[in-house]
PDB file of N, CA and C in Angstrom:
ATOM      1  N   MET A   1       0.794  -1.050  -0.170  1.00  0.00           N
ATOM      2  CA  MET A   1      -0.381  -0.031  -0.455  1.00  0.00           C
ATOM      3  C   MET A   1       0.832   0.880  -0.170  1.00  0.00           C
ATOM      4  N   CYS A   2       1.778   1.029   0.812  1.00  0.00           N
ATOM      5  CA  CYS A   2       2.642   2.575   1.085  1.00  0.00           C
ATOM      6  C   CYS A   2       2.954   2.902  -1.140  1.00  0.00           C
ATOM      7  N   GLY A   3       3.576   1.831  -2.251  1.00  0.00           N
ATOM      8  CA  GLY A   3       3.903   1.997  -2.973  1.00  0.00           C
ATOM      9  C   GLY A   3       3.230   2.589  -3.507  1.00  0.00           C
ATOM     10  N   SER A   4       1.769   2.325  -3.628  1.00  0.00           N
ATOM     11  CA  SER A   4       0.493   2.944  -4.167  1.00  0.00           C
ATOM     12  C   SER A   4       0.251   4.457  -3.452  1.00  0.00           C
ATOM     13  N   ALA A   5      -0.196   4.592  -2.480  1.00  0.00           N
ATOM     14  CA  ALA A   5       0.223   5.625  -1.983  1.00  0.00           C
ATOM     15  C   ALA A   5       1.278   6.733  -2.368  1.00  0.00           C
ATOM     16  N   ALA A   6       2.060   5.828  -2.468  1.00  0.00           N
ATOM     17  CA  ALA A   6       3.732   6.939  -2.820  1.00  0.00           C
ATOM     18  C   ALA A   6       3.692   7.290  -5.026  1.00  0.00           C
ATOM     19  N   ALA A   7       3.206   6.361  -5.386  1.00  0.00           N
ATOM     20  CA  ALA A   7       3.089   6.772  -7.205  1.00  0.00           C
ATOM     21  C   ALA A   7       1.833   7.936  -7.485  1.00  0.00           C
ATOM     22  N   ALA A   8       0.563   7.329  -6.860  1.00  0.00           N
ATOM     23  CA  ALA A   8      -0.051   7.820  -6.567  1.00  0.00           C
ATOM     24  C   ALA A   8      -0.411   9.204  -6.412  1.00  0.00           C
ATOM     25  N   ARG A   9       0.449   9.307  -5.033  1.00  0.00           N
ATOM     26  CA  ARG A   9       0.121  10.955  -3.264  1.00  0.00           C
ATOM     27  C   ARG A   9      -1.031  10.523  -4.104  1.00  0.00           C
ATOM     28  N   GLU A  10      -1.428   9.600  -3.589  1.00  0.00           N
ATOM     29  CA  GLU A  10      -3.126   9.662  -2.704  1.00  0.00           C
ATOM     30  C   GLU A  10      -3.063   9.235  -1.536  1.00  0.00           C
ATOM     31  N   THR A  11      -3.453   9.003  -0.302  1.00  0.00           N
ATOM     32  CA  THR A  11      -4.282   7.944   0.473  1.00  0.00           C
ATOM     33  C   THR A  11      -4.846   7.343   0.012  1.00  0.00           C
ATOM     34  N   GLN A  12      -4.572   5.763   0.595  1.00  0.00           N
ATOM     35  CA  GLN A  12      -4.618   4.660   0.350  1.00  0.00           C
ATOM     36  C   GLN A  12      -5.849   4.651   1.776  1.00  0.00           C
ATOM     37  N   LEU A  13      -6.857   4.616   1.911  1.00  0.00           N
ATOM     38  CA  LEU A  13      -7.596   3.128   2.968  1.00  0.00           C
ATOM     39  C   LEU A  13      -7.845   2.536   2.795  1.00  0.00           C
ATOM     40  N   VAL A  14      -7.832   1.419   3.498  1.00  0.00           N
ATOM     41  CA  VAL A  14      -8.057  -0.327   3.450  1.00  0.00           C
ATOM     42  C   VAL A  14      -8.257  -0.804   4.196  1.00  0.00           C
ATOM     43  N   ASP A  15     -10.524  -1.127   3.872  1.00  0.00           N
ATOM     44  CA  ASP A  15     -10.633  -1.475   5.213  1.00  0.00           C
ATOM     45  C   ASP A  15      -9.944  -3.668   5.745  1.00  0.00           C
ATOM     46  N   ASP A  16      -9.621  -4.000   4.602  1.00  0.00           N
ATOM     47  CA  ASP A  16      -9.470  -5.152   4.458  1.00  0.00           C
ATOM     48  C   ASP A  16      -8.566  -5.320   3.583  1.00  0.00           C
ATOM     49  N   VAL A  17      -6.889  -5.894   4.525  1.00  0.00           N
ATOM     50  CA  VAL A  17      -5.721  -5.471   3.426  1.00  0.00           C
ATOM     51  C   VAL A  17      -5.537  -6.974   3.009  1.00  0.00           C
ATOM     52  N   ASP A  18      -6.216  -8.053   3.745  1.00  0.00           N
ATOM     53  CA  ASP A  18      -6.269  -8.723   2.921  1.00  0.00           C
ATOM     54  C   ASP A  18      -6.988  -9.155   0.908  1.00  0.00           C
ATOM     55  N   ALA A  19      -7.774  -7.916   1.402  1.00  0.00           N
ATOM     56  CA  ALA A  19      -8.068  -7.916  -0.395  1.00  0.00           C
ATOM     57  C   ALA A  19      -7.947  -7.450  -1.436  1.00  0.00           C
ATOM     58  N   PHE A  20      -6.614  -6.381  -0.319  1.00  0.00           N
ATOM     59  CA  PHE A  20      -5.962  -5.618  -1.572  1.00  0.00           C
ATOM     60  C   PHE A  20      -5.233  -6.262  -2.054  1.00  0.00           C
ATOM     61  N   PRO A  21      -4.526  -6.500  -3.255  1.00  0.00           N
ATOM     62  CA  PRO A  21      -3.825  -6.971  -4.727  1.00  0.00           C
ATOM     63  C   PRO A  21      -2.472  -6.340  -4.666  1.00  0.00           C
ATOM     64  N   GLY A  22      -0.996  -7.421  -3.807  1.00  0.00           N
ATOM     65  CA  GLY A  22      -0.609  -7.393  -3.533  1.00  0.00           C
ATOM     66  C   GLY A  22      -0.033  -6.848  -2.417  1.00  0.00           C
ATOM     67  N   HIS A  23      -0.937  -6.786  -1.535  1.00  0.00           N
ATOM     68  CA  HIS A  23      -0.523  -5.946   0.224  1.00  0.00           C
ATOM     69  C   HIS A  23       1.030  -6.588   0.457  1.00  0.00           C
ATOM     70  N   ILE A  24       1.960  -6.751   0.757  1.00  0.00           N
ATOM     71  CA  ILE A  24       2.459  -6.834   1.877  1.00  0.00           C
ATOM     72  C   ILE A  24       2.510  -6.292   3.081  1.00  0.00           C
ATOM     73  N   ALA A  25       2.379  -7.283   4.089  1.00  0.00           N
ATOM     74  CA  ALA A  25       1.728  -6.859   5.659  1.00  0.00           C
ATOM     75  C   ALA A  25       3.113  -6.707   6.245  1.00  0.00           C
ATOM     76  N   CYS A  26       3.323  -6.105   7.310  1.00  0.00           N
ATOM     77  CA  CYS A  26       4.130  -5.321   7.842  1.00  0.00           C
ATOM     78  C   CYS A  26       4.202  -5.792   9.551  1.00  0.00           C
ATOM     79  N   ASP A  27       2.702  -6.047   9.694  1.00  0.00           N
ATOM     80  CA  ASP A  27       2.393  -6.525  10.895  1.00  0.00           C
ATOM     81  C   ASP A  27       1.294  -7.642  10.927  1.00  0.00           C
ATOM     82  N   GLY A  28       1.567  -9.592  10.982  1.00  0.00           N
ATOM     83  CA  GLY A  28       0.596 -10.074  10.673  1.00  0.00           C
ATOM     84  C   GLY A  28      -0.737  -9.866  12.020  1.00  0.00           C
ATOM     85  N   ASP A  29      -1.010  -8.875  11.662  1.00  0.00           N
ATOM     86  CA  ASP A  29      -2.083  -8.838  12.612  1.00  0.00           C
ATOM     87  C   ASP A  29      -2.738  -7.413  12.527  1.00  0.00           C
ATOM     88  N   SER A  30      -2.475  -6.867  11.393  1.00  0.00           N
ATOM     89  CA  SER A  30      -2.863  -6.149  10.535  1.00  0.00           C
ATOM     90  C   SER A  30      -4.129  -6.348   9.848  1.00  0.00           C
ATOM     91  N   ARG A  31      -5.344  -5.749   9.876  1.00  0.00           N
ATOM     92  CA  ARG A  31      -6.635  -6.261   8.751  1.00  0.00           C
ATOM     93  C   ARG A  31      -6.929  -5.599   8.462  1.00  0.00           C
ATOM     94  N   SER A  32      -6.361  -3.942   8.561  1.00  0.00           N
ATOM     95  CA  SER A  32      -7.126  -2.005   7.268  1.00  0.00           C
ATOM     96  C   SER A  32      -5.941  -1.961   7.977  1.00  0.00           C
ATOM     97  N   GLU A  33      -5.896  -0.660   7.127  1.00  0.00           N
ATOM     98  CA  GLU A  33      -4.811   0.507   7.038  1.00  0.00           C
ATOM     99  C   GLU A  33      -5.034   1.597   6.328  1.00  0.00           C
ATOM    100  N   ILE A  34      -4.547   1.682   6.916  1.00  0.00           N
ATOM    101  CA  ILE A  34      -4.781   4.141   6.277  1.00  0.00           C
ATOM    102  C   ILE A  34      -2.640   4.490   5.795  1.00  0.00           C
ATOM    103  N   VAL A  35      -2.601   4.941   4.607  1.00  0.00           N
ATOM    104  CA  VAL A  35      -1.412   5.299   4.019  1.00  0.00           C
ATOM    105  C   VAL A  35      -1.950   6.862   3.784  1.00  0.00           C
ATOM    106  N   VAL A  36      -0.764   7.844   4.103  1.00  0.00           N
ATOM    107  CA  VAL A  36      -0.846   9.083   3.906  1.00  0.00           C
ATOM    108  C   VAL A  36       0.478   9.465   3.555  1.00  0.00           C
ATOM    109  N   PRO A  37       0.490  10.121   2.140  1.00  0.00           N
ATOM    110  CA  PRO A  37       1.662  10.367   1.923  1.00  0.00           C
ATOM    111  C   PRO A  37       2.531  11.748   2.684  1.00  0.00           C
ATOM    112  N   ILE A  38       3.369  12.284   2.382  1.00  0.00           N
ATOM    113  CA  ILE A  38       3.836  13.479   2.742  1.00  0.00           C
ATOM    114  C   ILE A  38       4.663  14.002   1.529  1.00  0.00           C
ATOM    115  N   VAL A  39       3.461  15.185   1.333  1.00  0.00           N
ATOM    116  CA  VAL A  39       4.755  15.912  -0.241  1.00  0.00           C
ATOM    117  C   VAL A  39       5.209  17.169   0.050  1.00  0.00           C
ATOM    118  N   ALA A  40       6.191  17.352  -0.474  1.00  0.00           N
ATOM    119  CA  ALA A  40       6.955  19.146   0.497  1.00  0.00           C
ATOM    120  C   ALA A  40       7.088  20.006  -0.688  1.00  0.00           C
ATOM    121  N   ALA A  41       7.547  21.423  -0.960  1.00  0.00           N
ATOM    122  CA  ALA A  41       7.802  21.869  -3.039  1.00  0.00           C
ATOM    123  C   ALA A  41       9.100  21.262  -2.385  1.00  0.00           C
ATOM    124  N   GLY A  42       9.746  20.996  -3.251  1.00  0.00           N
ATOM    125  CA  GLY A  42      11.462  21.309  -4.093  1.00  0.00           C
ATOM    126  C   GLY A  42      11.460  22.450  -4.105  1.00  0.00           C
ATOM    127  N   ASP A  43      12.929  22.603  -4.091  1.00  0.00           N
ATOM    128  CA  ASP A  43      14.085  23.804  -4.542  1.00  0.00           C
ATOM    129  C   ASP A  43      13.670  24.087  -5.494  1.00  0.00           C
ATOM    130  N   ASP A  44      13.042  23.454  -6.719  1.00  0.00           N
ATOM    131  CA  ASP A  44      12.426  23.810  -8.266  1.00  0.00           C
ATOM    132  C   ASP A  44      11.423  23.846  -8.074  1.00  0.00           C
ATOM    133  N   GLY A  45      10.479  24.522  -7.050  1.00  0.00           N
ATOM    134  CA  GLY A  45       9.517  24.349  -7.157  1.00  0.00           C
ATOM    135  C   GLY A  45       8.344  23.022  -7.029  1.00  0.00           C
ATOM    136  N   ASP A  46       9.014  22.724  -7.946  1.00  0.00           N
ATOM    137  CA  ASP A  46       7.659  21.144  -8.128  1.00  0.00           C
ATOM    138  C   ASP A  46       7.744  20.377  -6.692  1.00  0.00           C
ATOM    139  N   ASP A  47       6.188  20.378  -6.659  1.00  0.00           N
ATOM    140  CA  ASP A  47       5.778  19.022  -4.851  1.00  0.00           C
ATOM    141  C   ASP A  47       6.583  18.003  -4.845  1.00  0.00           C
ATOM    142  N   ARG A  48       7.630  16.898  -4.414  1.00  0.00           N
ATOM    143  CA  ARG A  48       8.083  15.841  -4.416  1.00  0.00           C
ATOM    144  C   ARG A  48       7.844  14.911  -2.742  1.00  0.00           C
ATOM    145  N   LEU A  49       7.023  14.169  -3.290  1.00  0.00           N
ATOM    146  CA  LEU A  49       7.119  12.922  -1.955  1.00  0.00           C
ATOM    147  C   LEU A  49       8.284  12.827  -1.504  1.00  0.00           C
ATOM    148  N   VAL A  50       8.246  12.950  -0.079  1.00  0.00           N
ATOM    149  CA  VAL A  50       9.398  12.903   1.024  1.00  0.00           C
ATOM    150  C   VAL A  50       9.288  11.941   2.193  1.00  0.00           C
ATOM    151  N   ALA A  51       7.462  11.752   2.528  1.00  0.00           N
ATOM    152  CA  ALA A  51       7.872  10.649   3.425  1.00  0.00           C
ATOM    153  C   ALA A  51       6.560   9.778   3.483  1.00  0.00           C
ATOM    154  N   ILE A  52       5.571   9.326   4.530  1.00  0.00           N
ATOM    155  CA  ILE A  52       4.728   8.677   4.391  1.00  0.00           C
ATOM    156  C   ILE A  52       4.248   7.576   5.696  1.00  0.00           C
ATOM    157  N   ILE A  53       2.962   8.223   5.754  1.00  0.00           N
ATOM    158  CA  ILE A  53       2.909   7.652   7.125  1.00  0.00           C
ATOM    159  C   ILE A  53       1.885   6.148   7.116  1.00  0.00           C
ATOM    160  N   ASP A  54       2.565   5.591   8.076  1.00  0.00           N
ATOM    161  CA  ASP A  54       1.271   4.083   7.727  1.00  0.00           C
ATOM    162  C   ASP A  54       1.442   4.442   8.971  1.00  0.00           C
ATOM    163  N   VAL A  55      -0.698   3.610   9.143  1.00  0.00           N
ATOM    164  CA  VAL A  55      -1.225   3.269  10.232  1.00  0.00           C
ATOM    165  C   VAL A  55      -1.686   1.923  10.181  1.00  0.00           C
ATOM    166  N   ASP A  56      -1.576   0.600  11.116  1.00  0.00           N
ATOM    167  CA  ASP A  56      -2.394  -0.481  10.785  1.00  0.00           C
ATOM    168  C   ASP A  56      -3.239  -1.056  12.228  1.00  0.00           C
ATOM    169  N   CYS A  57      -4.747  -1.312  11.885  1.00  0.00           N
ATOM    170  CA  CYS A  57      -5.302  -1.365  12.613  1.00  0.00           C
ATOM    171  C   CYS A  57      -5.546  -3.546  12.623  1.00  0.00           C
ATOM    172  N   ALA A  58      -5.312  -3.677  13.753  1.00  0.00           N
ATOM    173  CA  ALA A  58      -5.553  -5.351  13.964  1.00  0.00           C
ATOM    174  C   ALA A  58      -7.379  -5.238  13.961  1.00  0.00           C
ATOM    175  N   VAL A  59      -8.863  -4.629  13.202  1.00  0.00           N
ATOM    176  CA  VAL A  59      -9.651  -4.711  13.277  1.00  0.00           C
ATOM    177  C   VAL A  59      -9.828  -4.594  11.896  1.00  0.00           C
ATOM    178  N   LEU A  60     -10.784  -4.864  10.950  1.00  0.00           N
ATOM    179  CA  LEU A  60     -11.282  -4.724   9.512  1.00  0.00           C
ATOM    180  C   LEU A  60     -12.214  -3.440   9.981  1.00  0.00           C
ATOM    181  N   ALA A  61     -11.879  -2.793   9.087  1.00  0.00           N
ATOM    182  CA  ALA A  61     -12.199  -1.133   8.710  1.00  0.00           C
ATOM    183  C   ALA A  61     -12.377  -0.428   9.540  1.00  0.00           C
ATOM    184  N   GLY A  62     -10.799  -0.556  10.338  1.00  0.00           N
ATOM    185  CA  GLY A  62     -10.467   0.117  11.481  1.00  0.00           C
ATOM    186  C   GLY A  62      -9.883   1.812  11.667  1.00  0.00           C
ATOM    187  N   PHE A  63     -10.564   2.566   9.554  1.00  0.00           N
ATOM    188  CA  PHE A  63     -10.363   4.049   9.844  1.00  0.00           C
ATOM    189  C   PHE A  63     -11.146   4.014   9.364  1.00  0.00           C
ATOM    190  N   ASP A  64     -11.641   5.175   8.495  1.00  0.00           N
ATOM    191  CA  ASP A  64     -12.267   6.322   8.686  1.00  0.00           C
ATOM    192  C   ASP A  64     -12.366   7.944   8.165  1.00  0.00           C
ATOM    193  N   GLU A  65     -13.187   8.720   7.058  1.00  0.00           N
ATOM    194  CA  GLU A  65     -12.962   9.451   7.156  1.00  0.00           C
ATOM    195  C   GLU A  65     -12.267  10.671   7.318  1.00  0.00           C
ATOM    196  N   VAL A  66     -12.972  10.354   8.930  1.00  0.00           N
ATOM    197  CA  VAL A  66     -12.024  11.463   9.669  1.00  0.00           C
ATOM    198  C   VAL A  66     -10.922  11.214  10.061  1.00  0.00           C
ATOM    199  N   ASP A  67     -10.383  10.128  10.206  1.00  0.00           N
ATOM    200  CA  ASP A  67      -8.862   9.421  10.227  1.00  0.00           C
ATOM    201  C   ASP A  67      -8.294   9.866   8.608  1.00  0.00           C
ATOM    202  N   ARG A  68      -8.646  10.056   7.540  1.00  0.00           N
ATOM    203  CA  ARG A  68      -8.462  10.331   6.405  1.00  0.00           C
ATOM    204  C   ARG A  68      -7.774  12.031   6.566  1.00  0.00           C
ATOM    205  N   LEU A  69      -9.074  12.553   6.916  1.00  0.00           N
ATOM    206  CA  LEU A  69      -9.394  14.105   6.850  1.00  0.00           C
ATOM    207  C   LEU A  69      -7.698  14.734   8.411  1.00  0.00           C
ATOM    208  N   TRP A  70      -7.564  13.976   8.630  1.00  0.00           N
ATOM    209  CA  TRP A  70      -6.632  14.445  10.525  1.00  0.00           C
ATOM    210  C   TRP A  70      -5.677  14.153  10.035  1.00  0.00           C
ATOM    211  N   LEU A  71      -5.233  12.652   9.442  1.00  0.00           N
ATOM    212  CA  LEU A  71      -3.688  12.432   9.020  1.00  0.00           C
ATOM    213  C   LEU A  71      -3.009  13.522   7.892  1.00  0.00           C
ATOM    214  N   GLU A  72      -3.975  13.795   7.228  1.00  0.00           N
ATOM    215  CA  GLU A  72      -4.356  13.932   5.528  1.00  0.00           C
ATOM    216  C   GLU A  72      -3.832  15.562   5.994  1.00  0.00           C
ATOM    217  N   LYS A  73      -4.313  16.138   7.053  1.00  0.00           N
ATOM    218  CA  LYS A  73      -3.926  17.655   7.969  1.00  0.00           C
ATOM    219  C   LYS A  73      -1.877  17.514   7.825  1.00  0.00           C
ATOM    220  N   LEU A  74      -2.039  16.818   8.351  1.00  0.00           N
ATOM    221  CA  LEU A  74      -0.899  15.828   9.483  1.00  0.00           C
ATOM    222  C   LEU A  74      -0.035  16.305   8.421  1.00  0.00           C
ATOM    223  N   ALA A  75      -0.120  15.128   7.343  1.00  0.00           N
ATOM    224  CA  ALA A  75       1.017  15.492   6.108  1.00  0.00           C
ATOM    225  C   ALA A  75       1.212  16.663   6.232  1.00  0.00           C
ATOM    226  N   GLY A  76      -0.126  17.327   5.385  1.00  0.00           N
ATOM    227  CA  GLY A  76      -0.197  18.927   5.074  1.00  0.00           C
ATOM    228  C   GLY A  76       0.548  19.722   6.056  1.00  0.00           C
ATOM    229  N   LEU A  77       0.550  19.306   6.938  1.00  0.00           N
ATOM    230  CA  LEU A  77       1.765  19.897   8.335  1.00  0.00           C
ATOM    231  C   LEU A  77       3.223  20.025   8.530  1.00  0.00           C
ATOM    232  N   ILE A  78       2.947  18.834   8.138  1.00  0.00           N
ATOM    233  CA  ILE A  78       4.314  18.000   7.697  1.00  0.00           C
ATOM    234  C   ILE A  78       5.640  18.252   6.904  1.00  0.00           C
ATOM    235  N   GLY A  79       4.637  17.626   5.852  1.00  0.00           N
ATOM    236  CA  GLY A  79       5.184  18.541   5.043  1.00  0.00           C
ATOM    237  C   GLY A  79       5.693  20.015   4.105  1.00  0.00           C
ATOM    238  N   ARG A  80       5.288  20.909   5.168  1.00  0.00           N
ATOM    239  CA  ARG A  80       5.515  22.457   4.450  1.00  0.00           C
ATOM    240  C   ARG A  80       6.449  22.629   6.143  1.00  0.00           C
ATOM    241  N   SER A  81       6.462  21.784   7.387  1.00  0.00           N
ATOM    242  CA  SER A  81       6.941  22.221   8.644  1.00  0.00           C
ATOM    243  C   SER A  81       9.244  21.932   8.486  1.00  0.00           C
ATOM    244  N   CYS A  82       8.688  20.946   7.858  1.00  0.00           N
ATOM    245  CA  CYS A  82       9.793  20.120   7.950  1.00  0.00           C
ATOM    246  C   CYS A  82      10.818  20.457   6.402  1.00  0.00           C
ATOM    247  N   ASP A  83      12.101  20.643   6.892  1.00  0.00           N
ATOM    248  CA  ASP A  83      13.721  20.847   6.345  1.00  0.00           C
ATOM    249  C   ASP A  83      13.886  19.573   5.835  1.00  0.00           C
ATOM    250  N   TRP A  84      12.797  19.404   4.918  1.00  0.00           N
ATOM    251  CA  TRP A  84      13.479  18.271   3.616  1.00  0.00           C
ATOM    252  C   TRP A  84      14.673  18.569   2.927  1.00  0.00           C
TER     253      TRP A  84
END
């Protein structure tokens, strides 16, 4: 899922990681996952991927749109605030 989020530069929110094609489990107990890319402005003005927020949950459908909203806000803050 990290690769998908990085390639698309879009949050991946998956209710059932076993149903996600090509999922590689970081934790065998993981059942759902949210992955949020962190993008920062480069010196040339182009946005670039600099990091990923990856959170696993041991229950199915452990994340929702509220989680997406706040993690995306956090990713934006980190992307703007750090000296990449």
